[in-house]
């Protein structure tokens, strides 16, 4: 508890700083881009709980993100649910999917697990394309609520995503420093040896898939209000799968700090490329940077820093 309180204090300070920034009249694009970067902080942190801590590489990130988004679309259209309910519902539905995937893939490891999650994304996208109530293949327009805080809904969503990012990072930090994190590390290093030592590998895998799915769904829930038009190609975009994998690997997968560093650096670079060159270069940038880190710093920025300190 003594270690948690300072982290909670820092989180509160970060949120208050975000609220203060929201009250300032700065370039509106900063909030627009900031939302995307913070969204990737949540996505990268969520992916790292399963892929970094547990060693199960998940290529189905778009499925969980889109499920959160389309759960929000369904609730908006059916009962005009408020944003807090959309976020909770999107997270819970995605968590149930994560729990189901964890249970159905108990015996799958390595490449086979990754292929199964990729297949999940394809199957779920096909289902959404054929579900006319949420727009189907044509997509659906979403009207933002009137009278948002700070006078602008994008600014409001920026503060909401900042809060979600802080919560996601605190959750990842708690998991890493608890017995759960140590168990997931044992699972990642050698699952058979971990089982022999009495580590509850089954429960840990189900826990990781559920929490990871919940956070990914939470990240996707505000998406309809952010873009105001949701269609399968945008919700299931390849960018989410690639960035979710690349950002933790660039920052470092063994610590909660790594995904944050990777998301901020890579997300900022992509946003700068979008306004200066073209958004079509985003995946190219991710690919080049990821290959460079795999060759030069396979343990990410955190591993590179540790190597430099060791030499000093």
Protein backbone atom coordinates (compact mmCIF):
# COMPACT_ATOMS: atom_id res chain seq x y z
CA UNK A 1 0.00 0.00 0.00
CA UNK A 2 2.86 2.37 0.82
CA UNK A 3 4.22 1.90 -2.70
CA UNK A 4 0.81 2.44 -4.31
CA UNK A 5 -0.01 5.80 -2.73
CA UNK A 6 2.82 7.76 -4.44
CA UNK A 7 1.80 6.29 -7.82
CA UNK A 8 -1.84 7.27 -7.19
CA UNK A 9 -0.66 10.76 -6.26
CA UNK A 10 1.29 11.09 -9.50
CA UNK A 11 -1.73 9.83 -11.43
CA UNK A 12 -3.99 12.44 -9.83
CA UNK A 13 -1.46 15.17 -10.64
CA UNK A 14 -1.30 14.05 -14.28
CA UNK A 15 -5.10 14.11 -14.57
CA UNK A 16 -5.30 17.56 -12.97
CA UNK A 17 -2.63 18.80 -15.37
CA UNK A 18 -4.71 17.45 -18.26
CA UNK A 19 -7.81 19.22 -16.97
CA UNK A 20 -5.80 22.45 -16.66
CA UNK A 21 -4.59 22.02 -20.25
CA UNK A 22 -8.16 21.46 -21.38
CA UNK A 23 -9.20 24.83 -19.96
CA UNK A 24 -6.52 26.64 -21.97
CA UNK A 25 -7.20 27.93 -25.46
CA UNK A 26 -4.50 26.18 -27.48
CA UNK A 27 -4.50 24.76 -30.99
CA UNK A 28 -7.51 22.35 -31.20
CA UNK A 29 -5.38 19.85 -33.11
CA UNK A 30 -3.26 19.31 -30.01
CA UNK A 31 -6.27 17.81 -28.25
CA UNK A 32 -7.18 15.81 -31.35
CA UNK A 33 -3.68 14.36 -31.65
CA UNK A 34 -3.27 14.03 -27.90
CA UNK A 35 -6.34 11.82 -27.75
CA UNK A 36 -4.81 9.44 -30.30
CA UNK A 37 -1.49 9.27 -28.42
CA UNK A 38 -3.23 8.62 -25.08
CA UNK A 39 -5.43 6.02 -26.75
CA UNK A 40 -2.28 4.21 -27.86
CA UNK A 41 -0.93 4.40 -24.31
CA UNK A 42 -3.98 2.43 -23.17
CA UNK A 43 -3.77 -0.02 -26.09
CA UNK A 44 -0.03 -0.63 -25.72
CA UNK A 45 -0.33 -1.06 -21.95
CA UNK A 46 -3.24 -3.48 -22.36
CA UNK A 47 -1.36 -5.52 -24.97
CA UNK A 48 1.74 -5.66 -22.79
CA UNK A 49 -0.10 -7.28 -19.88
CA UNK A 50 -0.63 -10.38 -22.00
CA UNK A 51 2.11 -10.08 -24.63
CA UNK A 52 4.89 -8.55 -22.55
CA UNK A 53 4.34 -9.91 -19.04
CA UNK A 54 2.88 -13.27 -20.08
CA UNK A 55 4.67 -13.82 -23.38
CA UNK A 56 1.47 -14.51 -25.38
CA UNK A 57 1.64 -12.37 -28.52
CA UNK A 58 -1.84 -11.10 -29.38
CA UNK A 59 -2.57 -10.12 -33.00
CA UNK A 60 -6.27 -9.65 -32.25
CA UNK A 61 -6.02 -6.19 -30.75
CA UNK A 62 -8.42 -4.69 -33.35
CA UNK A 63 -11.09 -7.21 -32.34
CA UNK A 64 -11.15 -6.08 -28.71
CA UNK A 65 -10.87 -2.40 -29.60
CA UNK A 66 -13.66 -2.64 -32.17
CA UNK A 67 -15.85 -4.65 -29.80
CA UNK A 68 -15.63 -1.79 -27.30
CA UNK A 69 -16.47 0.70 -30.06
CA UNK A 70 -19.42 -1.26 -31.42
CA UNK A 71 -20.76 -1.97 -27.92
CA UNK A 72 -20.85 1.81 -27.52
CA UNK A 73 -22.59 2.21 -30.89
CA UNK A 74 -25.21 -0.36 -29.89
CA UNK A 75 -25.90 1.37 -26.56
CA UNK A 76 -25.97 4.83 -28.14
CA UNK A 77 -28.50 3.74 -30.72
CA UNK A 78 -30.66 1.64 -28.37
CA UNK A 79 -30.79 3.66 -25.11
CA UNK A 80 -28.61 6.74 -25.77
CA UNK A 81 -26.34 5.69 -22.92
CA UNK A 82 -23.97 8.25 -21.33
CA UNK A 83 -20.23 8.03 -21.92
CA UNK A 84 -19.33 6.49 -18.50
CA UNK A 85 -21.76 3.62 -19.15
CA UNK A 86 -20.33 3.18 -22.66
CA UNK A 87 -16.81 2.87 -21.27
CA UNK A 88 -17.75 0.35 -18.57
CA UNK A 89 -19.94 -1.71 -20.91
CA UNK A 90 -17.32 -1.70 -23.69
CA UNK A 91 -14.69 -2.88 -21.24
CA UNK A 92 -16.86 -5.63 -19.76
CA UNK A 93 -17.94 -7.03 -23.14
CA UNK A 94 -14.33 -7.06 -24.36
CA UNK A 95 -13.26 -8.65 -21.06
CA UNK A 96 -15.78 -11.46 -21.59
CA UNK A 97 -14.33 -11.99 -25.06
CA UNK A 98 -10.83 -12.09 -23.57
CA UNK A 99 -11.93 -14.62 -20.97
CA UNK A 100 -13.52 -16.75 -23.67
CA UNK A 101 -10.45 -16.60 -25.89
CA UNK A 102 -8.24 -17.48 -22.94
CA UNK A 103 -10.40 -20.49 -22.13
CA UNK A 104 -10.70 -21.70 -25.74
CA UNK A 105 -6.97 -21.39 -26.40
CA UNK A 106 -5.70 -23.02 -23.20
CA UNK A 107 -3.51 -25.48 -25.04
CA UNK A 108 -2.31 -23.08 -27.73
CA UNK A 109 1.08 -21.43 -27.30
CA UNK A 110 3.44 -19.30 -29.32
CA UNK A 111 2.59 -18.91 -32.98
CA UNK A 112 -0.61 -20.98 -32.71
CA UNK A 113 -2.05 -18.62 -30.09
CA UNK A 114 -1.15 -15.58 -32.22
CA UNK A 115 -2.83 -17.09 -35.29
CA UNK A 116 -5.96 -17.83 -33.23
CA UNK A 117 -6.22 -14.20 -32.09
CA UNK A 118 -5.73 -13.00 -35.66
CA UNK A 119 -8.52 -15.33 -36.80
CA UNK A 120 -10.72 -13.89 -34.03
CA UNK A 121 -10.32 -10.41 -35.49
CA UNK A 122 -11.29 -11.61 -38.97
CA UNK A 123 -14.35 -13.50 -37.70
CA UNK A 124 -15.57 -10.60 -35.55
CA UNK A 125 -15.12 -8.12 -38.39
CA UNK A 126 -17.19 -10.37 -40.68
CA UNK A 127 -19.96 -10.48 -38.07
CA UNK A 128 -19.99 -6.69 -37.70
CA UNK A 129 -20.06 -6.20 -41.48
CA UNK A 130 -23.25 -8.25 -41.61
CA UNK A 131 -24.92 -6.62 -38.57
CA UNK A 132 -27.03 -3.82 -40.03
CA UNK A 133 -28.22 -2.48 -36.65
CA UNK A 134 -24.75 -1.05 -35.97
CA UNK A 135 -24.21 0.10 -39.55
CA UNK A 136 -22.90 -3.03 -41.21
CA UNK A 137 -20.43 -2.52 -44.03
CA UNK A 138 -21.77 0.98 -44.77
CA UNK A 139 -20.95 2.35 -41.34
CA UNK A 140 -23.04 4.51 -39.04
CA UNK A 141 -23.00 8.17 -38.01
CA UNK A 142 -22.97 9.07 -34.31
CA UNK A 143 -24.18 12.41 -32.98
CA UNK A 144 -22.23 13.80 -30.05
CA UNK A 145 -24.19 14.98 -26.97
CA UNK A 146 -24.73 18.71 -26.76
CA UNK A 147 -23.20 20.98 -24.14
CA UNK A 148 -19.95 19.10 -23.45
CA UNK A 149 -17.56 20.16 -20.67
CA UNK A 150 -14.84 22.62 -21.74
CA UNK A 151 -17.12 23.73 -24.60
CA UNK A 152 -15.72 21.18 -27.05
CA UNK A 153 -16.34 17.44 -27.16
CA UNK A 154 -12.89 16.55 -28.51
CA UNK A 155 -11.30 18.44 -25.61
CA UNK A 156 -13.59 16.56 -23.23
CA UNK A 157 -12.65 13.23 -24.81
CA UNK A 158 -8.97 14.19 -24.44
CA UNK A 159 -9.39 14.51 -20.67
CA UNK A 160 -11.41 11.27 -20.52
CA UNK A 161 -8.72 9.34 -22.42
CA UNK A 162 -6.05 10.86 -20.19
CA UNK A 163 -7.88 9.49 -17.17
CA UNK A 164 -8.22 6.07 -18.82
CA UNK A 165 -4.51 6.07 -19.68
CA UNK A 166 -3.59 6.83 -16.07
CA UNK A 167 -5.85 4.02 -14.83
CA UNK A 168 -4.40 1.55 -17.37
CA UNK A 169 -0.81 2.40 -16.39
CA UNK A 170 -1.60 2.11 -12.67
CA UNK A 171 -3.21 -1.30 -13.25
CA UNK A 172 -0.19 -2.50 -15.22
CA UNK A 173 2.18 -1.19 -12.55
CA UNK A 174 0.22 -2.97 -9.80
CA UNK A 175 0.21 -6.26 -11.74
CA UNK A 176 3.93 -6.05 -12.47
CA UNK A 177 4.85 -5.53 -8.81
CA UNK A 178 2.49 -8.16 -7.41
CA UNK A 179 2.66 -11.96 -7.28
CA UNK A 180 0.60 -11.92 -10.48
CA UNK A 181 3.39 -10.16 -12.33
CA UNK A 182 5.97 -12.59 -11.02
CA UNK A 183 3.77 -15.49 -12.06
CA UNK A 184 3.30 -14.06 -15.55
CA UNK A 185 7.06 -13.58 -15.83
CA UNK A 186 7.55 -17.25 -14.97
CA UNK A 187 4.90 -18.12 -17.54
CA UNK A 188 6.75 -16.10 -20.16
CA UNK A 189 10.17 -17.59 -19.42
CA UNK A 190 9.14 -21.26 -19.28
CA UNK A 191 5.52 -22.33 -18.90
CA UNK A 192 6.31 -26.00 -18.23
CA UNK A 193 8.80 -25.15 -15.50
CA UNK A 194 6.33 -22.67 -13.99
CA UNK A 195 3.67 -25.40 -13.81
CA UNK A 196 6.12 -27.74 -12.12
CA UNK A 197 6.90 -25.05 -9.54
CA UNK A 198 3.21 -24.70 -8.69
CA UNK A 199 2.50 -21.47 -10.56
CA UNK A 200 -1.24 -21.34 -11.46
CA UNK A 201 -0.58 -20.87 -15.17
CA UNK A 202 -4.19 -21.44 -16.25
CA UNK A 203 -5.62 -18.81 -13.91
CA UNK A 204 -2.86 -16.36 -14.78
CA UNK A 205 -3.49 -16.74 -18.50
CA UNK A 206 -7.23 -16.24 -18.05
CA UNK A 207 -6.57 -13.23 -15.83
CA UNK A 208 -4.19 -11.65 -18.35
CA UNK A 209 -6.52 -12.18 -21.34
CA UNK A 210 -9.46 -10.77 -19.37
CA UNK A 211 -7.71 -7.65 -18.06
CA UNK A 212 -6.04 -7.00 -21.40
CA UNK A 213 -9.38 -7.37 -23.18
CA UNK A 214 -11.09 -5.05 -20.68
CA UNK A 215 -8.56 -2.24 -21.18
CA UNK A 216 -8.68 -2.61 -24.98
CA UNK A 217 -12.47 -2.40 -24.88
CA UNK A 218 -12.27 0.66 -22.65
CA UNK A 219 -9.95 2.30 -25.19
CA UNK A 220 -12.42 1.62 -28.01
CA UNK A 221 -15.61 2.76 -26.23
CA UNK A 222 -15.13 6.56 -26.75
CA UNK A 223 -14.09 5.98 -30.39
CA UNK A 224 -17.59 6.55 -31.92
CA UNK A 225 -17.87 10.00 -30.32
CA UNK A 226 -14.32 10.82 -31.41
CA UNK A 227 -14.72 10.05 -35.12
CA UNK A 228 -18.57 10.48 -35.28
CA UNK A 229 -18.70 7.90 -38.10
CA UNK A 230 -17.88 4.27 -37.38
CA UNK A 231 -17.33 1.64 -40.04
CA UNK A 232 -15.55 -1.73 -39.89
CA UNK A 233 -12.41 -0.68 -41.76
CA UNK A 234 -11.66 2.08 -39.26
CA UNK A 235 -12.60 0.14 -36.12
CA UNK A 236 -10.68 -2.98 -37.20
CA UNK A 237 -7.77 -1.03 -38.69
CA UNK A 238 -4.45 -2.85 -39.05
CA UNK A 239 -2.80 0.13 -37.34
CA UNK A 240 -4.07 -1.04 -33.95
CA UNK A 241 -2.54 -4.50 -34.26
CA UNK A 242 0.79 -3.19 -35.54
CA UNK A 243 1.10 -0.33 -33.05
CA UNK A 244 -0.01 -2.45 -30.11
CA UNK A 245 2.87 -4.82 -30.87
CA UNK A 246 5.46 -2.22 -31.86
CA UNK A 247 5.05 0.32 -29.06
CA UNK A 248 5.81 -2.03 -26.14
CA UNK A 249 8.68 -3.63 -28.07
CA UNK A 250 10.21 -0.23 -28.75
CA UNK A 251 9.83 0.95 -25.16
CA UNK A 252 10.50 -2.39 -23.48
CA UNK A 253 8.06 -5.19 -22.66
CA UNK A 254 9.28 -6.14 -19.18
CA UNK A 255 8.08 -2.98 -17.42
CA UNK A 256 4.94 -0.84 -17.33
CA UNK A 257 7.08 2.13 -18.37
CA UNK A 258 8.04 0.60 -21.74
CA UNK A 259 4.61 0.77 -23.44
CA UNK A 260 4.16 4.35 -22.24
CA UNK A 261 7.50 5.42 -23.71
CA UNK A 262 6.86 3.57 -26.96
CA UNK A 263 3.33 4.93 -27.33
CA UNK A 264 4.34 8.52 -26.68
CA UNK A 265 7.38 8.42 -28.99
CA UNK A 266 5.82 6.47 -31.83
CA UNK A 267 2.41 8.10 -31.50
CA UNK A 268 3.90 11.59 -31.57
CA UNK A 269 6.04 10.70 -34.59
CA UNK A 270 3.00 9.42 -36.46
CA UNK A 271 0.97 12.53 -35.67
CA UNK A 272 3.82 14.77 -36.86
CA UNK A 273 4.08 12.73 -40.07
CA UNK A 274 0.32 13.05 -40.57
CA UNK A 275 0.35 16.86 -40.53
CA UNK A 276 3.67 17.35 -42.32
CA UNK A 277 3.82 14.55 -44.90
CA UNK A 278 0.98 12.03 -45.09
CA UNK A 279 -0.90 9.66 -42.79
CA UNK A 280 -0.17 6.90 -45.31
CA UNK A 281 3.40 6.82 -43.99
CA UNK A 282 2.36 5.86 -40.44
CA UNK A 283 2.73 2.11 -40.88
CA UNK A 284 5.96 2.60 -42.82
CA UNK A 285 7.36 4.61 -39.93
CA UNK A 286 6.30 1.93 -37.45
CA UNK A 287 7.89 -0.80 -39.56
CA UNK A 288 11.21 0.98 -40.02
CA UNK A 289 11.50 1.94 -36.34
CA UNK A 290 10.49 -1.56 -35.19
CA UNK A 291 13.05 -3.27 -37.43
CA UNK A 292 15.73 -0.86 -36.22
CA UNK A 293 14.98 -1.64 -32.58
CA UNK A 294 14.78 -5.39 -33.15
CA UNK A 295 18.27 -5.28 -34.68
CA UNK A 296 19.93 -2.65 -32.51
CA UNK A 297 18.03 -2.81 -29.20
CA UNK A 298 15.94 -6.01 -28.97
CA UNK A 299 15.04 -5.25 -25.34
CA UNK A 300 13.72 -1.81 -26.23
CA UNK A 301 14.67 1.58 -24.90
CA UNK A 302 14.60 0.39 -21.29
CA UNK A 303 16.96 -2.47 -22.09
CA UNK A 304 19.27 -0.09 -23.96
CA UNK A 305 19.36 2.24 -20.95
CA UNK A 306 20.18 -0.67 -18.63
CA UNK A 307 23.04 -1.78 -20.92
CA UNK A 308 24.49 1.73 -21.01
CA UNK A 309 24.27 2.02 -17.21
CA UNK A 310 25.94 -1.39 -16.84
CA UNK A 311 28.91 -0.23 -18.90
CA UNK A 312 29.23 2.94 -16.87
